[in-house]
């Protein structure tokens, strides 16, 4: 949900399409990055449902315009104080190469607010921020990072399959798997509730990590495209010709093993056919029916239908 303009950062951030003004033509090799902005908007919608249970209140979530800059410049623009730098791995399921890296950057005060709420508090944070996170805070940040990673995978799914996974929280950005001179794409997400000031978290993609997906990033993502009528009608006709085995169990007699061992050709095993016999399609019960004939063939007349779960036939 897009908030009002008051929720936005007071200092306007240069969008990715203006990256040429940063003094180099090599920072952004992906064009206007509209596709990545589109995926960020998808992620923002999912972040709302993720953070509302954690913050125990309604949340507005949105994606700010992308920025492409050197990682050193991004670090210098970050406010001073405790920050959770959470490296994320980006692994394509079918790739044999080493996973790429991304970063989830969470403000330390916001992390401590979530920690206090998690343990039943009111979201209070210390007046004087500590120099490092406690073990409980690091565990919570890792848990939140895992939840964000699942939503990242969902957001990227229309474009390509990527498995995101959090690693260990770092306090010193110099220890991160990103060089200071690397160009990075900064995707920033705002979270606001009521009249409270918004908080922001960043997902930072090093440009080298995105290069394997450059062709798809410069394409277009259709989030809710209407199905082509000709294709849809053809699919419907094809589905209607799919065949399922239909069977019925008329009787299930039970005899002792002594009788089974003494059976010979010509012997008769008596059976009793119930008034209603089950009718099964595939491995699912369709309903019940009575045994009879139709046009000279044995047949079953359906007398009742079971509830059919369409998903069980997929």
C-alpha atoms as a PDB file:
ATOM      1  CA  UNK A   1       0.000   0.000   0.000  1.00  0.00           C
ATOM      2  CA  UNK A   2       1.449   3.330  -0.984  1.00  0.00           C
ATOM      3  CA  UNK A   3       1.576   5.824   1.887  1.00  0.00           C
ATOM      4  CA  UNK A   4       1.307   9.566   1.763  1.00  0.00           C
ATOM      5  CA  UNK A   5       4.245  11.706   0.832  1.00  0.00           C
ATOM      6  CA  UNK A   6       5.030  12.361   4.505  1.00  0.00           C
ATOM      7  CA  UNK A   7       6.240   8.775   4.846  1.00  0.00           C
ATOM      8  CA  UNK A   8       8.951   9.235   2.260  1.00  0.00           C
ATOM      9  CA  UNK A   9      12.509  10.136   3.157  1.00  0.00           C
ATOM     10  CA  UNK A  10      12.922  13.893   3.448  1.00  0.00           C
ATOM     11  CA  UNK A  11      16.050  13.828   1.277  1.00  0.00           C
ATOM     12  CA  UNK A  12      15.211  12.858  -2.274  1.00  0.00           C
ATOM     13  CA  UNK A  13      17.310   9.929  -3.500  1.00  0.00           C
ATOM     14  CA  UNK A  14      18.442   9.906  -7.120  1.00  0.00           C
ATOM     15  CA  UNK A  15      16.673   7.106  -9.010  1.00  0.00           C
ATOM     16  CA  UNK A  16      18.590   4.391 -10.817  1.00  0.00           C
ATOM     17  CA  UNK A  17      17.878   5.863 -14.224  1.00  0.00           C
ATOM     18  CA  UNK A  18      20.076   8.851 -13.264  1.00  0.00           C
ATOM     19  CA  UNK A  19      23.053   6.730 -12.299  1.00  0.00           C
ATOM     20  CA  UNK A  20      25.106   8.220 -15.133  1.00  0.00           C
ATOM     21  CA  UNK A  21      25.455  11.376 -13.071  1.00  0.00           C
ATOM     22  CA  UNK A  22      27.570   9.524 -10.534  1.00  0.00           C
ATOM     23  CA  UNK A  23      30.653   9.938 -12.703  1.00  0.00           C
ATOM     24  CA  UNK A  24      30.868   6.566 -14.412  1.00  0.00           C
ATOM     25  CA  UNK A  25      29.108   4.791 -17.236  1.00  0.00           C
ATOM     26  CA  UNK A  26      29.723   1.324 -15.755  1.00  0.00           C
ATOM     27  CA  UNK A  27      27.726   1.489 -12.533  1.00  0.00           C
ATOM     28  CA  UNK A  28      24.470   0.259 -14.054  1.00  0.00           C
ATOM     29  CA  UNK A  29      24.711  -2.143 -17.012  1.00  0.00           C
ATOM     30  CA  UNK A  30      21.000  -3.027 -16.869  1.00  0.00           C
ATOM     31  CA  UNK A  31      19.301   0.014 -18.375  1.00  0.00           C
ATOM     32  CA  UNK A  32      16.395   1.637 -16.557  1.00  0.00           C
ATOM     33  CA  UNK A  33      15.917  -1.255 -14.075  1.00  0.00           C
ATOM     34  CA  UNK A  34      12.134  -0.981 -14.349  1.00  0.00           C
ATOM     35  CA  UNK A  35      11.891  -4.748 -13.973  1.00  0.00           C
ATOM     36  CA  UNK A  36      13.760  -4.764 -10.661  1.00  0.00           C
ATOM     37  CA  UNK A  37      11.625  -1.863  -9.465  1.00  0.00           C
ATOM     38  CA  UNK A  38       8.573  -3.931 -10.349  1.00  0.00           C
ATOM     39  CA  UNK A  39       9.891  -6.882  -8.326  1.00  0.00           C
ATOM     40  CA  UNK A  40      10.575  -4.548  -5.397  1.00  0.00           C
ATOM     41  CA  UNK A  41       6.960  -3.391  -5.496  1.00  0.00           C
ATOM     42  CA  UNK A  42       5.866  -7.044  -5.335  1.00  0.00           C
ATOM     43  CA  UNK A  43       8.140  -7.597  -2.356  1.00  0.00           C
ATOM     44  CA  UNK A  44       6.797  -4.498  -0.579  1.00  0.00           C
ATOM     45  CA  UNK A  45       3.252  -5.888  -0.736  1.00  0.00           C
ATOM     46  CA  UNK A  46       4.445  -9.109   0.897  1.00  0.00           C
ATOM     47  CA  UNK A  47       6.500  -7.303   3.554  1.00  0.00           C
ATOM     48  CA  UNK A  48       3.338  -5.782   4.939  1.00  0.00           C
ATOM     49  CA  UNK A  49       1.978  -9.214   5.855  1.00  0.00           C
ATOM     50  CA  UNK A  50       5.367 -10.231   7.232  1.00  0.00           C
ATOM     51  CA  UNK A  51       5.887  -7.304   9.610  1.00  0.00           C
ATOM     52  CA  UNK A  52       2.338  -6.788  10.876  1.00  0.00           C
ATOM     53  CA  UNK A  53       2.474  -9.890  13.144  1.00  0.00           C
ATOM     54  CA  UNK A  54       5.968  -8.913  14.336  1.00  0.00           C
ATOM     55  CA  UNK A  55       5.040  -5.291  15.117  1.00  0.00           C
ATOM     56  CA  UNK A  56       1.511  -6.202  16.299  1.00  0.00           C
ATOM     57  CA  UNK A  57      -0.094  -3.340  14.399  1.00  0.00           C
ATOM     58  CA  UNK A  58      -1.226  -2.418  10.902  1.00  0.00           C
ATOM     59  CA  UNK A  59       1.644  -1.484   8.634  1.00  0.00           C
ATOM     60  CA  UNK A  60       1.971   0.423   5.376  1.00  0.00           C
ATOM     61  CA  UNK A  61       4.784  -0.848   3.183  1.00  0.00           C
ATOM     62  CA  UNK A  62       6.204   0.560  -0.031  1.00  0.00           C
ATOM     63  CA  UNK A  63       9.288   0.422  -2.242  1.00  0.00           C
ATOM     64  CA  UNK A  64      11.291   3.590  -2.843  1.00  0.00           C
ATOM     65  CA  UNK A  65      13.013   4.336  -6.184  1.00  0.00           C
ATOM     66  CA  UNK A  66      16.102   2.251  -6.842  1.00  0.00           C
ATOM     67  CA  UNK A  67      19.568   3.739  -6.530  1.00  0.00           C
ATOM     68  CA  UNK A  68      22.790   2.508  -8.145  1.00  0.00           C
ATOM     69  CA  UNK A  69      25.974   3.624  -6.411  1.00  0.00           C
ATOM     70  CA  UNK A  70      29.328   2.473  -5.110  1.00  0.00           C
ATOM     71  CA  UNK A  71      29.102   0.410  -1.950  1.00  0.00           C
ATOM     72  CA  UNK A  72      31.512   2.798  -0.225  1.00  0.00           C
ATOM     73  CA  UNK A  73      29.142   5.690  -0.986  1.00  0.00           C
ATOM     74  CA  UNK A  74      26.192   3.705   0.317  1.00  0.00           C
ATOM     75  CA  UNK A  75      28.033   2.998   3.570  1.00  0.00           C
ATOM     76  CA  UNK A  76      28.977   6.649   4.006  1.00  0.00           C
ATOM     77  CA  UNK A  77      25.336   7.695   3.615  1.00  0.00           C
ATOM     78  CA  UNK A  78      24.146   5.285   6.312  1.00  0.00           C
ATOM     79  CA  UNK A  79      23.448   6.947   9.676  1.00  0.00           C
ATOM     80  CA  UNK A  80      25.919   6.291  12.465  1.00  0.00           C
ATOM     81  CA  UNK A  81      24.986   3.746  15.106  1.00  0.00           C
ATOM     82  CA  UNK A  82      24.111   0.093  15.513  1.00  0.00           C
ATOM     83  CA  UNK A  83      23.173  -1.543  12.204  1.00  0.00           C
ATOM     84  CA  UNK A  84      22.457  -5.179  11.328  1.00  0.00           C
ATOM     85  CA  UNK A  85      24.299  -6.137   8.148  1.00  0.00           C
ATOM     86  CA  UNK A  86      22.852  -9.512   7.147  1.00  0.00           C
ATOM     87  CA  UNK A  87      24.496 -11.155   4.120  1.00  0.00           C
ATOM     88  CA  UNK A  88      22.162 -13.205   1.932  1.00  0.00           C
ATOM     89  CA  UNK A  89      23.131 -15.935  -0.501  1.00  0.00           C
ATOM     90  CA  UNK A  90      21.482 -15.988  -3.934  1.00  0.00           C
ATOM     91  CA  UNK A  91      21.542 -19.482  -5.444  1.00  0.00           C
ATOM     92  CA  UNK A  92      19.900 -20.563  -8.671  1.00  0.00           C
ATOM     93  CA  UNK A  93      18.577 -24.135  -8.158  1.00  0.00           C
ATOM     94  CA  UNK A  94      20.094 -25.494 -11.397  1.00  0.00           C
ATOM     95  CA  UNK A  95      23.383 -23.604 -11.190  1.00  0.00           C
ATOM     96  CA  UNK A  96      26.659 -25.348 -10.375  1.00  0.00           C
ATOM     97  CA  UNK A  97      28.497 -22.078  -9.683  1.00  0.00           C
ATOM     98  CA  UNK A  98      28.965 -20.602  -6.208  1.00  0.00           C
ATOM     99  CA  UNK A  99      26.007 -18.629  -4.836  1.00  0.00           C
ATOM    100  CA  UNK A 100      26.014 -14.869  -5.347  1.00  0.00           C
ATOM    101  CA  UNK A 101      25.570 -12.427  -2.470  1.00  0.00           C
ATOM    102  CA  UNK A 102      23.121  -9.743  -1.458  1.00  0.00           C
ATOM    103  CA  UNK A 103      22.599  -7.793   1.777  1.00  0.00           C
ATOM    104  CA  UNK A 104      19.672  -7.111   4.055  1.00  0.00           C
ATOM    105  CA  UNK A 105      20.387  -3.964   6.084  1.00  0.00           C
ATOM    106  CA  UNK A 106      18.226  -3.305   9.163  1.00  0.00           C
ATOM    107  CA  UNK A 107      18.509  -0.324  11.507  1.00  0.00           C
ATOM    108  CA  UNK A 108      19.623  -1.420  14.970  1.00  0.00           C
ATOM    109  CA  UNK A 109      16.893   0.460  16.850  1.00  0.00           C
ATOM    110  CA  UNK A 110      14.213  -1.131  14.669  1.00  0.00           C
ATOM    111  CA  UNK A 111      15.716  -4.569  15.366  1.00  0.00           C
ATOM    112  CA  UNK A 112      15.638  -3.952  19.138  1.00  0.00           C
ATOM    113  CA  UNK A 113      12.051  -2.715  18.907  1.00  0.00           C
ATOM    114  CA  UNK A 114      11.047  -6.006  17.243  1.00  0.00           C
ATOM    115  CA  UNK A 115      12.980  -7.929  19.914  1.00  0.00           C
ATOM    116  CA  UNK A 116      11.120  -6.193  22.742  1.00  0.00           C
ATOM    117  CA  UNK A 117       7.767  -6.853  21.053  1.00  0.00           C
ATOM    118  CA  UNK A 118       8.712 -10.488  20.460  1.00  0.00           C
ATOM    119  CA  UNK A 119       9.215 -11.011  24.195  1.00  0.00           C
ATOM    120  CA  UNK A 120       5.917  -9.352  25.115  1.00  0.00           C
ATOM    121  CA  UNK A 121       7.089  -5.789  25.602  1.00  0.00           C
ATOM    122  CA  UNK A 122       5.733  -2.577  24.162  1.00  0.00           C
ATOM    123  CA  UNK A 123       8.492  -2.033  21.617  1.00  0.00           C
ATOM    124  CA  UNK A 124      10.681   0.101  23.860  1.00  0.00           C
ATOM    125  CA  UNK A 125      14.335   0.610  23.011  1.00  0.00           C
ATOM    126  CA  UNK A 126      17.256   1.881  25.129  1.00  0.00           C
ATOM    127  CA  UNK A 127      17.937   5.593  25.136  1.00  0.00           C
ATOM    128  CA  UNK A 128      21.619   4.877  24.647  1.00  0.00           C
ATOM    129  CA  UNK A 129      22.057   2.224  22.006  1.00  0.00           C
ATOM    130  CA  UNK A 130      24.450  -0.661  22.747  1.00  0.00           C
ATOM    131  CA  UNK A 131      27.597  -1.208  20.695  1.00  0.00           C
ATOM    132  CA  UNK A 132      26.511  -4.680  19.574  1.00  0.00           C
ATOM    133  CA  UNK A 133      23.537  -7.019  19.435  1.00  0.00           C
ATOM    134  CA  UNK A 134      22.780  -9.606  22.075  1.00  0.00           C
ATOM    135  CA  UNK A 135      22.529 -13.269  21.132  1.00  0.00           C
ATOM    136  CA  UNK A 136      18.732 -13.044  21.275  1.00  0.00           C
ATOM    137  CA  UNK A 137      18.732 -10.011  18.992  1.00  0.00           C
ATOM    138  CA  UNK A 138      20.993 -11.736  16.467  1.00  0.00           C
ATOM    139  CA  UNK A 139      18.744 -14.809  16.522  1.00  0.00           C
ATOM    140  CA  UNK A 140      15.670 -12.663  15.880  1.00  0.00           C
ATOM    141  CA  UNK A 141      17.392 -10.778  13.048  1.00  0.00           C
ATOM    142  CA  UNK A 142      18.329 -14.110  11.476  1.00  0.00           C
ATOM    143  CA  UNK A 143      14.745 -15.297  11.810  1.00  0.00           C
ATOM    144  CA  UNK A 144      13.380 -12.113  10.234  1.00  0.00           C
ATOM    145  CA  UNK A 145      16.024 -12.410   7.516  1.00  0.00           C
ATOM    146  CA  UNK A 146      14.821 -15.920   6.727  1.00  0.00           C
ATOM    147  CA  UNK A 147      11.248 -14.671   6.418  1.00  0.00           C
ATOM    148  CA  UNK A 148      12.385 -11.859   4.124  1.00  0.00           C
ATOM    149  CA  UNK A 149      14.337 -14.373   2.023  1.00  0.00           C
ATOM    150  CA  UNK A 150      11.218 -16.452   1.447  1.00  0.00           C
ATOM    151  CA  UNK A 151       9.370 -13.354   0.284  1.00  0.00           C
ATOM    152  CA  UNK A 152      12.318 -12.394  -1.934  1.00  0.00           C
ATOM    153  CA  UNK A 153      12.123 -15.770  -3.662  1.00  0.00           C
ATOM    154  CA  UNK A 154       8.391 -15.285  -4.216  1.00  0.00           C
ATOM    155  CA  UNK A 155       8.905 -11.772  -5.595  1.00  0.00           C
ATOM    156  CA  UNK A 156      11.588 -12.941  -8.038  1.00  0.00           C
ATOM    157  CA  UNK A 157       9.653 -16.017  -9.172  1.00  0.00           C
ATOM    158  CA  UNK A 158       7.965 -14.398 -12.218  1.00  0.00           C
ATOM    159  CA  UNK A 159      11.418 -13.461 -13.479  1.00  0.00           C
ATOM    160  CA  UNK A 160      13.671 -16.336 -12.449  1.00  0.00           C
ATOM    161  CA  UNK A 161      14.010 -18.897  -9.673  1.00  0.00           C
ATOM    162  CA  UNK A 162      16.460 -17.801  -6.970  1.00  0.00           C
ATOM    163  CA  UNK A 163      16.801 -19.302  -3.496  1.00  0.00           C
ATOM    164  CA  UNK A 164      17.733 -16.616  -0.960  1.00  0.00           C
ATOM    165  CA  UNK A 165      19.127 -17.590   2.440  1.00  0.00           C
ATOM    166  CA  UNK A 166      20.477 -15.504   5.355  1.00  0.00           C
ATOM    167  CA  UNK A 167      23.912 -16.116   6.829  1.00  0.00           C
ATOM    168  CA  UNK A 168      25.315 -14.494   9.985  1.00  0.00           C
ATOM    169  CA  UNK A 169      24.733 -10.930  11.159  1.00  0.00           C
ATOM    170  CA  UNK A 170      27.761  -8.676  10.796  1.00  0.00           C
ATOM    171  CA  UNK A 171      28.361  -5.437  12.697  1.00  0.00           C
ATOM    172  CA  UNK A 172      31.425  -4.350  10.732  1.00  0.00           C
ATOM    173  CA  UNK A 173      30.603  -3.623   7.061  1.00  0.00           C
ATOM    174  CA  UNK A 174      34.276  -4.118   6.224  1.00  0.00           C
ATOM    175  CA  UNK A 175      33.739  -7.859   6.843  1.00  0.00           C
ATOM    176  CA  UNK A 176      30.950  -8.135   4.286  1.00  0.00           C
ATOM    177  CA  UNK A 177      31.371 -10.084   1.010  1.00  0.00           C
ATOM    178  CA  UNK A 178      31.098  -6.823  -0.968  1.00  0.00           C
ATOM    179  CA  UNK A 179      34.053  -4.685  -2.017  1.00  0.00           C
ATOM    180  CA  UNK A 180      33.928  -0.954  -1.358  1.00  0.00           C
ATOM    181  CA  UNK A 181      34.380  -0.216  -5.069  1.00  0.00           C
ATOM    182  CA  UNK A 182      31.606  -2.586  -6.164  1.00  0.00           C
ATOM    183  CA  UNK A 183      28.562  -1.003  -7.736  1.00  0.00           C
ATOM    184  CA  UNK A 184      25.384  -1.960  -5.882  1.00  0.00           C
ATOM    185  CA  UNK A 185      21.670  -1.594  -6.551  1.00  0.00           C
ATOM    186  CA  UNK A 186      19.972  -0.336  -3.388  1.00  0.00           C
ATOM    187  CA  UNK A 187      16.303  -1.272  -3.016  1.00  0.00           C
ATOM    188  CA  UNK A 188      14.812   0.523  -0.031  1.00  0.00           C
ATOM    189  CA  UNK A 189      11.531  -0.382   1.655  1.00  0.00           C
ATOM    190  CA  UNK A 190       9.556   1.857   3.978  1.00  0.00           C
ATOM    191  CA  UNK A 191       7.358   0.631   6.834  1.00  0.00           C
ATOM    192  CA  UNK A 192       4.992   2.986   8.640  1.00  0.00           C
ATOM    193  CA  UNK A 193       2.123   2.649  11.084  1.00  0.00           C
ATOM    194  CA  UNK A 194      -0.343   5.344  12.058  1.00  0.00           C
ATOM    195  CA  UNK A 195       1.379   8.613  12.916  1.00  0.00           C
ATOM    196  CA  UNK A 196       4.651   6.954  13.891  1.00  0.00           C
ATOM    197  CA  UNK A 197       7.710   7.926  11.850  1.00  0.00           C
ATOM    198  CA  UNK A 198       8.546   5.372   9.168  1.00  0.00           C
ATOM    199  CA  UNK A 199      11.435   2.958   9.384  1.00  0.00           C
ATOM    200  CA  UNK A 200      13.430   1.688   6.424  1.00  0.00           C
ATOM    201  CA  UNK A 201      15.221  -1.503   5.539  1.00  0.00           C
ATOM    202  CA  UNK A 202      17.398  -2.071   2.492  1.00  0.00           C
ATOM    203  CA  UNK A 203      18.016  -5.011   0.207  1.00  0.00           C
ATOM    204  CA  UNK A 204      21.334  -4.338  -1.514  1.00  0.00           C
ATOM    205  CA  UNK A 205      22.305  -6.246  -4.662  1.00  0.00           C
ATOM    206  CA  UNK A 206      25.934  -6.046  -5.836  1.00  0.00           C
ATOM    207  CA  UNK A 207      25.889  -5.517  -9.593  1.00  0.00           C
ATOM    208  CA  UNK A 208      28.155  -8.576 -10.149  1.00  0.00           C
ATOM    209  CA  UNK A 209      25.509 -10.717  -8.416  1.00  0.00           C
ATOM    210  CA  UNK A 210      22.834  -9.477 -10.816  1.00  0.00           C
ATOM    211  CA  UNK A 211      24.866  -9.889 -14.018  1.00  0.00           C
ATOM    212  CA  UNK A 212      23.841 -13.559 -14.539  1.00  0.00           C
ATOM    213  CA  UNK A 213      20.241 -12.297 -14.663  1.00  0.00           C
ATOM    214  CA  UNK A 214      20.973  -9.281 -16.868  1.00  0.00           C
ATOM    215  CA  UNK A 215      18.958 -10.544 -19.853  1.00  0.00           C
ATOM    216  CA  UNK A 216      15.813 -11.064 -17.774  1.00  0.00           C
ATOM    217  CA  UNK A 217      16.289  -7.836 -15.815  1.00  0.00           C
ATOM    218  CA  UNK A 218      16.193  -5.891 -19.072  1.00  0.00           C
ATOM    219  CA  UNK A 219      12.964  -7.636 -20.096  1.00  0.00           C
ATOM    220  CA  UNK A 220       9.472  -7.022 -18.867  1.00  0.00           C
ATOM    221  CA  UNK A 221       7.535  -8.696 -16.064  1.00  0.00           C
ATOM    222  CA  UNK A 222       3.807  -9.167 -16.516  1.00  0.00           C
ATOM    223  CA  UNK A 223       2.349  -9.464 -13.051  1.00  0.00           C
ATOM    224  CA  UNK A 224      -1.333  -9.865 -13.860  1.00  0.00           C
ATOM    225  CA  UNK A 225      -1.461 -10.352 -17.601  1.00  0.00           C
ATOM    226  CA  UNK A 226      -4.727 -11.625 -19.041  1.00  0.00           C
ATOM    227  CA  UNK A 227      -4.513 -15.066 -20.635  1.00  0.00           C
ATOM    228  CA  UNK A 228      -4.780 -15.117 -24.412  1.00  0.00           C
ATOM    229  CA  UNK A 229      -8.370 -16.279 -25.254  1.00  0.00           C
ATOM    230  CA  UNK A 230      -7.221 -18.642 -28.012  1.00  0.00           C
ATOM    231  CA  UNK A 231      -4.629 -20.224 -25.723  1.00  0.00           C
ATOM    232  CA  UNK A 232      -7.133 -20.497 -22.864  1.00  0.00           C
ATOM    233  CA  UNK A 233      -9.804 -22.136 -25.051  1.00  0.00           C
ATOM    234  CA  UNK A 234      -7.263 -24.562 -26.458  1.00  0.00           C
ATOM    235  CA  UNK A 235      -6.111 -25.456 -22.961  1.00  0.00           C
ATOM    236  CA  UNK A 236      -9.711 -26.012 -21.856  1.00  0.00           C
ATOM    237  CA  UNK A 237     -10.407 -28.332 -24.796  1.00  0.00           C
ATOM    238  CA  UNK A 238      -7.230 -30.287 -24.081  1.00  0.00           C
ATOM    239  CA  UNK A 239      -8.058 -30.630 -20.390  1.00  0.00           C
ATOM    240  CA  UNK A 240     -11.550 -31.921 -21.198  1.00  0.00           C
ATOM    241  CA  UNK A 241     -10.036 -34.849 -23.154  1.00  0.00           C
ATOM    242  CA  UNK A 242      -7.929 -36.079 -20.214  1.00  0.00           C
ATOM    243  CA  UNK A 243      -9.029 -39.596 -19.209  1.00  0.00           C
ATOM    244  CA  UNK A 244      -9.318 -40.928 -15.661  1.00  0.00           C
ATOM    245  CA  UNK A 245      -9.813 -44.594 -14.704  1.00  0.00           C
ATOM    246  CA  UNK A 246     -13.215 -45.203 -13.111  1.00  0.00           C
ATOM    247  CA  UNK A 247     -13.716 -48.350 -11.024  1.00  0.00           C
ATOM    248  CA  UNK A 248     -16.002 -49.818  -8.408  1.00  0.00           C
ATOM    249  CA  UNK A 249     -15.600 -52.491  -5.745  1.00  0.00           C
ATOM    250  CA  UNK A 250     -18.726 -54.671  -5.765  1.00  0.00           C
ATOM    251  CA  UNK A 251     -17.721 -56.893  -2.862  1.00  0.00           C
ATOM    252  CA  UNK A 252     -14.805 -57.714  -0.607  1.00  0.00           C
ATOM    253  CA  UNK A 253     -15.421 -61.210   0.813  1.00  0.00           C
ATOM    254  CA  UNK A 254     -13.332 -62.478   3.707  1.00  0.00           C
ATOM    255  CA  UNK A 255     -12.485 -66.194   3.817  1.00  0.00           C
ATOM    256  CA  UNK A 256     -10.171 -68.192   6.066  1.00  0.00           C
ATOM    257  CA  UNK A 257      -6.788 -69.282   4.734  1.00  0.00           C
ATOM    258  CA  UNK A 258      -7.832 -72.942   5.123  1.00  0.00           C
ATOM    259  CA  UNK A 259     -10.558 -72.411   2.485  1.00  0.00           C
ATOM    260  CA  UNK A 260      -8.167 -70.533   0.199  1.00  0.00           C
ATOM    261  CA  UNK A 261      -5.663 -73.413   0.347  1.00  0.00           C
ATOM    262  CA  UNK A 262      -8.357 -75.946  -0.603  1.00  0.00           C
ATOM    263  CA  UNK A 263      -9.900 -74.043  -3.527  1.00  0.00           C
ATOM    264  CA  UNK A 264     -10.008 -75.734  -6.942  1.00  0.00           C
ATOM    265  CA  UNK A 265     -11.526 -74.835 -10.333  1.00  0.00           C
ATOM    266  CA  UNK A 266     -15.310 -74.832 -10.156  1.00  0.00           C
ATOM    267  CA  UNK A 267     -15.575 -73.850  -6.502  1.00  0.00           C
ATOM    268  CA  UNK A 268     -17.811 -70.879  -5.678  1.00  0.00           C
ATOM    269  CA  UNK A 269     -17.040 -68.060  -3.230  1.00  0.00           C
ATOM    270  CA  UNK A 270     -20.342 -66.476  -2.169  1.00  0.00           C
ATOM    271  CA  UNK A 271     -20.467 -62.666  -2.132  1.00  0.00           C
ATOM    272  CA  UNK A 272     -23.031 -60.100  -1.050  1.00  0.00           C
ATOM    273  CA  UNK A 273     -23.398 -56.905  -3.094  1.00  0.00           C
ATOM    274  CA  UNK A 274     -24.394 -53.910  -0.986  1.00  0.00           C
ATOM    275  CA  UNK A 275     -27.280 -51.692  -2.162  1.00  0.00           C
ATOM    276  CA  UNK A 276     -24.771 -48.892  -2.744  1.00  0.00           C
ATOM    277  CA  UNK A 277     -21.258 -49.582  -4.014  1.00  0.00           C
ATOM    278  CA  UNK A 278     -18.413 -47.044  -4.097  1.00  0.00           C
ATOM    279  CA  UNK A 279     -17.375 -45.438  -7.376  1.00  0.00           C
ATOM    280  CA  UNK A 280     -13.724 -44.357  -7.492  1.00  0.00           C
ATOM    281  CA  UNK A 281     -11.990 -42.034 -10.000  1.00  0.00           C
ATOM    282  CA  UNK A 282      -8.239 -42.429  -9.877  1.00  0.00           C
ATOM    283  CA  UNK A 283      -7.521 -42.664  -6.151  1.00  0.00           C
ATOM    284  CA  UNK A 284     -10.468 -40.511  -5.061  1.00  0.00           C
ATOM    285  CA  UNK A 285     -14.026 -41.533  -4.178  1.00  0.00           C
ATOM    286  CA  UNK A 286     -16.536 -39.991  -6.585  1.00  0.00           C
ATOM    287  CA  UNK A 287     -19.656 -41.227  -4.844  1.00  0.00           C
ATOM    288  CA  UNK A 288     -21.927 -44.288  -4.567  1.00  0.00           C
ATOM    289  CA  UNK A 289     -24.288 -46.085  -6.927  1.00  0.00           C
ATOM    290  CA  UNK A 290     -26.440 -49.152  -7.495  1.00  0.00           C
ATOM    291  CA  UNK A 291     -25.464 -52.013  -9.797  1.00  0.00           C
ATOM    292  CA  UNK A 292     -27.630 -52.633 -12.871  1.00  0.00           C
ATOM    293  CA  UNK A 293     -27.551 -52.770 -16.659  1.00  0.00           C
ATOM    294  CA  UNK A 294     -27.688 -50.209 -19.468  1.00  0.00           C
ATOM    295  CA  UNK A 295     -28.053 -51.076 -23.150  1.00  0.00           C
ATOM    296  CA  UNK A 296     -27.076 -54.653 -22.429  1.00  0.00           C
ATOM    297  CA  UNK A 297     -23.949 -53.721 -20.436  1.00  0.00           C
ATOM    298  CA  UNK A 298     -23.297 -53.898 -16.719  1.00  0.00           C
ATOM    299  CA  UNK A 299     -23.524 -50.407 -15.259  1.00  0.00           C
ATOM    300  CA  UNK A 300     -23.693 -48.429 -12.039  1.00  0.00           C
ATOM    301  CA  UNK A 301     -26.319 -45.743 -11.487  1.00  0.00           C
ATOM    302  CA  UNK A 302     -24.940 -42.943  -9.315  1.00  0.00           C
ATOM    303  CA  UNK A 303     -27.089 -42.283  -6.259  1.00  0.00           C
ATOM    304  CA  UNK A 304     -24.844 -39.799  -4.427  1.00  0.00           C
ATOM    305  CA  UNK A 305     -21.719 -37.718  -5.070  1.00  0.00           C
ATOM    306  CA  UNK A 306     -18.913 -37.053  -2.618  1.00  0.00           C
ATOM    307  CA  UNK A 307     -17.458 -33.574  -2.161  1.00  0.00           C
ATOM    308  CA  UNK A 308     -14.814 -33.083  -4.862  1.00  0.00           C
ATOM    309  CA  UNK A 309     -11.692 -31.112  -4.018  1.00  0.00           C
ATOM    310  CA  UNK A 310     -10.434 -29.815  -7.366  1.00  0.00           C
ATOM    311  CA  UNK A 311      -6.921 -29.467  -6.035  1.00  0.00           C
ATOM    312  CA  UNK A 312      -6.723 -33.198  -5.253  1.00  0.00           C
ATOM    313  CA  UNK A 313      -6.743 -33.997  -8.994  1.00  0.00           C
ATOM    314  CA  UNK A 314      -3.733 -31.761  -9.795  1.00  0.00           C
END
